[in-house]
Amino acid sequence: MNAAVLTGVIFFALTGVVFVTGADFSFLRTALIVAGFAAMGVILCSALFGFNPGIIFIAAMLVFCAGYILYDTSNVLHHYQIGQHVAASLALFASVILMFWYVLQLLMSLNRR
């Protein structure tokens, strides 16, 4: 339950930033693509060589997810058409679920210590 509440708080805070500022965060696209490929590389190396990426990787992925929530919410506000509500909700859902996964991973790794 704590992971869900924490994810919700983070999501609503980031969404609030987009709605209050009205900023277009589409400039994050290139950085998010590069960070996504880097994360996939670390995950692939972790699977192939059997190491645990650790808490620093989890923190980096949470920042990555926050960037995607800002980017996707800004796209919903500025770029999606009226009839594209399914695509917009799917993009936001994927970002929130990814963030939930890494919040859950962070809380579980903190409980092990």
C-alpha atoms as a PDB file:
ATOM      1  CA  MET A   1       0.000   0.000   0.000  1.00  0.00           C
ATOM      2  CA  ASN A   2       2.855   2.403   0.744  1.00  0.00           C
ATOM      3  CA  ALA A   3       4.289   2.038  -2.774  1.00  0.00           C
ATOM      4  CA  ALA A   4       0.927   2.822  -4.346  1.00  0.00           C
ATOM      5  CA  VAL A   5       0.407   5.900  -2.179  1.00  0.00           C
ATOM      6  CA  LEU A   6       3.951   7.148  -2.781  1.00  0.00           C
ATOM      7  CA  THR A   7       3.604   6.623  -6.534  1.00  0.00           C
ATOM      8  CA  GLY A   8       0.288   8.474  -6.517  1.00  0.00           C
ATOM      9  CA  VAL A   9       1.741  11.405  -4.597  1.00  0.00           C
ATOM     10  CA  ILE A  10       4.693  11.672  -6.980  1.00  0.00           C
ATOM     11  CA  PHE A  11       2.427  11.367 -10.033  1.00  0.00           C
ATOM     12  CA  PHE A  12      -0.006  14.044  -8.861  1.00  0.00           C
ATOM     13  CA  ALA A  13       2.842  16.373  -7.880  1.00  0.00           C
ATOM     14  CA  LEU A  14       4.472  16.047 -11.311  1.00  0.00           C
ATOM     15  CA  THR A  15       1.129  16.403 -13.089  1.00  0.00           C
ATOM     16  CA  GLY A  16       0.433  19.480 -10.986  1.00  0.00           C
ATOM     17  CA  VAL A  17       3.740  20.985 -12.086  1.00  0.00           C
ATOM     18  CA  VAL A  18       2.747  20.544 -15.730  1.00  0.00           C
ATOM     19  CA  PHE A  19      -0.733  21.993 -15.265  1.00  0.00           C
ATOM     20  CA  VAL A  20       0.336  24.908 -13.047  1.00  0.00           C
ATOM     21  CA  THR A  21       3.299  25.985 -15.159  1.00  0.00           C
ATOM     22  CA  GLY A  22       1.704  25.109 -18.504  1.00  0.00           C
ATOM     23  CA  ALA A  23       5.208  24.333 -19.762  1.00  0.00           C
ATOM     24  CA  ASP A  24       5.806  22.121 -22.781  1.00  0.00           C
ATOM     25  CA  PHE A  25       8.261  19.410 -21.728  1.00  0.00           C
ATOM     26  CA  SER A  26       8.712  18.022 -25.241  1.00  0.00           C
ATOM     27  CA  PHE A  27      12.387  19.068 -25.072  1.00  0.00           C
ATOM     28  CA  LEU A  28      12.950  16.039 -22.798  1.00  0.00           C
ATOM     29  CA  ARG A  29      12.323  13.594 -25.653  1.00  0.00           C
ATOM     30  CA  THR A  30      15.938  13.079 -26.781  1.00  0.00           C
ATOM     31  CA  ALA A  31      17.295  12.765 -23.244  1.00  0.00           C
ATOM     32  CA  LEU A  32      14.580  10.257 -22.341  1.00  0.00           C
ATOM     33  CA  ILE A  33      15.297   8.144 -25.421  1.00  0.00           C
ATOM     34  CA  VAL A  34      19.028   8.057 -24.670  1.00  0.00           C
ATOM     35  CA  ALA A  35      18.374   7.280 -20.989  1.00  0.00           C
ATOM     36  CA  GLY A  36      15.966   4.510 -21.996  1.00  0.00           C
ATOM     37  CA  PHE A  37      18.557   2.812 -24.181  1.00  0.00           C
ATOM     38  CA  ALA A  38      21.175   3.161 -21.436  1.00  0.00           C
ATOM     39  CA  ALA A  39      18.785   1.609 -18.912  1.00  0.00           C
ATOM     40  CA  MET A  40      18.027  -1.270 -21.267  1.00  0.00           C
ATOM     41  CA  GLY A  41      21.781  -1.825 -21.658  1.00  0.00           C
ATOM     42  CA  VAL A  42      22.289  -1.968 -17.899  1.00  0.00           C
ATOM     43  CA  ILE A  43      19.330  -4.344 -17.499  1.00  0.00           C
ATOM     44  CA  LEU A  44      20.626  -6.585 -20.294  1.00  0.00           C
ATOM     45  CA  CYS A  45      24.147  -6.668 -18.814  1.00  0.00           C
ATOM     46  CA  SER A  46      22.658  -7.398 -15.404  1.00  0.00           C
ATOM     47  CA  ALA A  47      20.740 -10.357 -16.801  1.00  0.00           C
ATOM     48  CA  LEU A  48      23.677 -11.703 -18.820  1.00  0.00           C
ATOM     49  CA  PHE A  49      26.400 -11.297 -16.207  1.00  0.00           C
ATOM     50  CA  GLY A  50      24.291 -11.899 -13.095  1.00  0.00           C
ATOM     51  CA  PHE A  51      24.873  -8.756 -11.072  1.00  0.00           C
ATOM     52  CA  ASN A  52      22.409  -6.613  -9.154  1.00  0.00           C
ATOM     53  CA  PRO A  53      22.319  -3.012 -10.472  1.00  0.00           C
ATOM     54  CA  GLY A  54      21.623  -1.734  -6.962  1.00  0.00           C
ATOM     55  CA  ILE A  55      19.885   1.159  -5.349  1.00  0.00           C
ATOM     56  CA  ILE A  56      21.639   3.803  -7.470  1.00  0.00           C
ATOM     57  CA  PHE A  57      20.115   2.273 -10.606  1.00  0.00           C
ATOM     58  CA  ILE A  58      16.690   2.271  -8.928  1.00  0.00           C
ATOM     59  CA  ALA A  59      17.073   5.962  -8.055  1.00  0.00           C
ATOM     60  CA  ALA A  60      18.153   6.751 -11.620  1.00  0.00           C
ATOM     61  CA  MET A  61      15.124   4.881 -12.959  1.00  0.00           C
ATOM     62  CA  LEU A  62      12.834   6.873 -10.657  1.00  0.00           C
ATOM     63  CA  VAL A  63      14.254  10.095 -12.099  1.00  0.00           C
ATOM     64  CA  PHE A  64      13.775   8.604 -15.581  1.00  0.00           C
ATOM     65  CA  CYS A  65      10.135   7.763 -14.771  1.00  0.00           C
ATOM     66  CA  ALA A  66       9.552  11.261 -13.396  1.00  0.00           C
ATOM     67  CA  GLY A  67      10.888  12.701 -16.640  1.00  0.00           C
ATOM     68  CA  TYR A  68       8.545  10.510 -18.640  1.00  0.00           C
ATOM     69  CA  ILE A  69       5.561  11.522 -16.522  1.00  0.00           C
ATOM     70  CA  LEU A  70       6.398  15.180 -17.135  1.00  0.00           C
ATOM     71  CA  TYR A  71       6.870  14.492 -20.852  1.00  0.00           C
ATOM     72  CA  ASP A  72       3.695  12.429 -21.266  1.00  0.00           C
ATOM     73  CA  THR A  73       1.506  14.793 -19.243  1.00  0.00           C
ATOM     74  CA  SER A  74       2.789  17.727 -21.244  1.00  0.00           C
ATOM     75  CA  ASN A  75       2.064  15.838 -24.465  1.00  0.00           C
ATOM     76  CA  VAL A  76      -1.491  15.174 -23.301  1.00  0.00           C
ATOM     77  CA  LEU A  77      -1.915  18.866 -22.559  1.00  0.00           C
ATOM     78  CA  HIS A  78      -0.255  20.287 -25.683  1.00  0.00           C
ATOM     79  CA  HIS A  79       0.040  17.750 -28.499  1.00  0.00           C
ATOM     80  CA  TYR A  80      -2.622  15.024 -28.410  1.00  0.00           C
ATOM     81  CA  GLN A  81      -5.784  15.583 -30.450  1.00  0.00           C
ATOM     82  CA  ILE A  82      -9.292  15.208 -29.000  1.00  0.00           C
ATOM     83  CA  GLY A  83      -9.768  11.711 -30.478  1.00  0.00           C
ATOM     84  CA  GLN A  84      -6.464  10.364 -29.161  1.00  0.00           C
ATOM     85  CA  HIS A  85      -7.602   9.795 -25.576  1.00  0.00           C
ATOM     86  CA  VAL A  86      -6.728   6.077 -25.659  1.00  0.00           C
ATOM     87  CA  ALA A  87      -3.148   6.697 -26.772  1.00  0.00           C
ATOM     88  CA  ALA A  88      -2.745   9.487 -24.223  1.00  0.00           C
ATOM     89  CA  SER A  89      -4.049   7.399 -21.341  1.00  0.00           C
ATOM     90  CA  LEU A  90      -1.910   4.418 -22.376  1.00  0.00           C
ATOM     91  CA  ALA A  91       1.240   6.552 -22.416  1.00  0.00           C
ATOM     92  CA  LEU A  92       0.511   7.933 -18.946  1.00  0.00           C
ATOM     93  CA  PHE A  93      -0.446   4.497 -17.626  1.00  0.00           C
ATOM     94  CA  ALA A  94       2.844   2.988 -18.815  1.00  0.00           C
ATOM     95  CA  SER A  95       4.817   5.772 -17.123  1.00  0.00           C
ATOM     96  CA  VAL A  96       2.934   5.440 -13.846  1.00  0.00           C
ATOM     97  CA  ILE A  97       3.224   1.643 -13.759  1.00  0.00           C
ATOM     98  CA  LEU A  98       6.970   1.833 -14.450  1.00  0.00           C
ATOM     99  CA  MET A  99       7.323   4.333 -11.618  1.00  0.00           C
ATOM    100  CA  PHE A 100       5.257   2.092  -9.319  1.00  0.00           C
ATOM    101  CA  TRP A 101       7.575  -0.842 -10.103  1.00  0.00           C
ATOM    102  CA  TYR A 102      10.690   1.120  -9.189  1.00  0.00           C
ATOM    103  CA  VAL A 103       9.116   2.663  -6.062  1.00  0.00           C
ATOM    104  CA  LEU A 104       8.249  -0.878  -5.020  1.00  0.00           C
ATOM    105  CA  GLN A 105      11.820  -2.011  -5.757  1.00  0.00           C
ATOM    106  CA  LEU A 106      13.204   0.907  -3.738  1.00  0.00           C
ATOM    107  CA  LEU A 107      11.017   0.173  -0.720  1.00  0.00           C
ATOM    108  CA  MET A 108      11.838  -3.540  -0.837  1.00  0.00           C
ATOM    109  CA  SER A 109      15.580  -2.871  -1.074  1.00  0.00           C
ATOM    110  CA  LEU A 110      15.386  -0.435   1.852  1.00  0.00           C
ATOM    111  CA  ASN A 111      13.540  -3.054   3.947  1.00  0.00           C
ATOM    112  CA  ARG A 112      16.311  -5.613   3.332  1.00  0.00           C
ATOM    113  CA  ARG A 113      18.948  -3.387   4.896  1.00  0.00           C
END
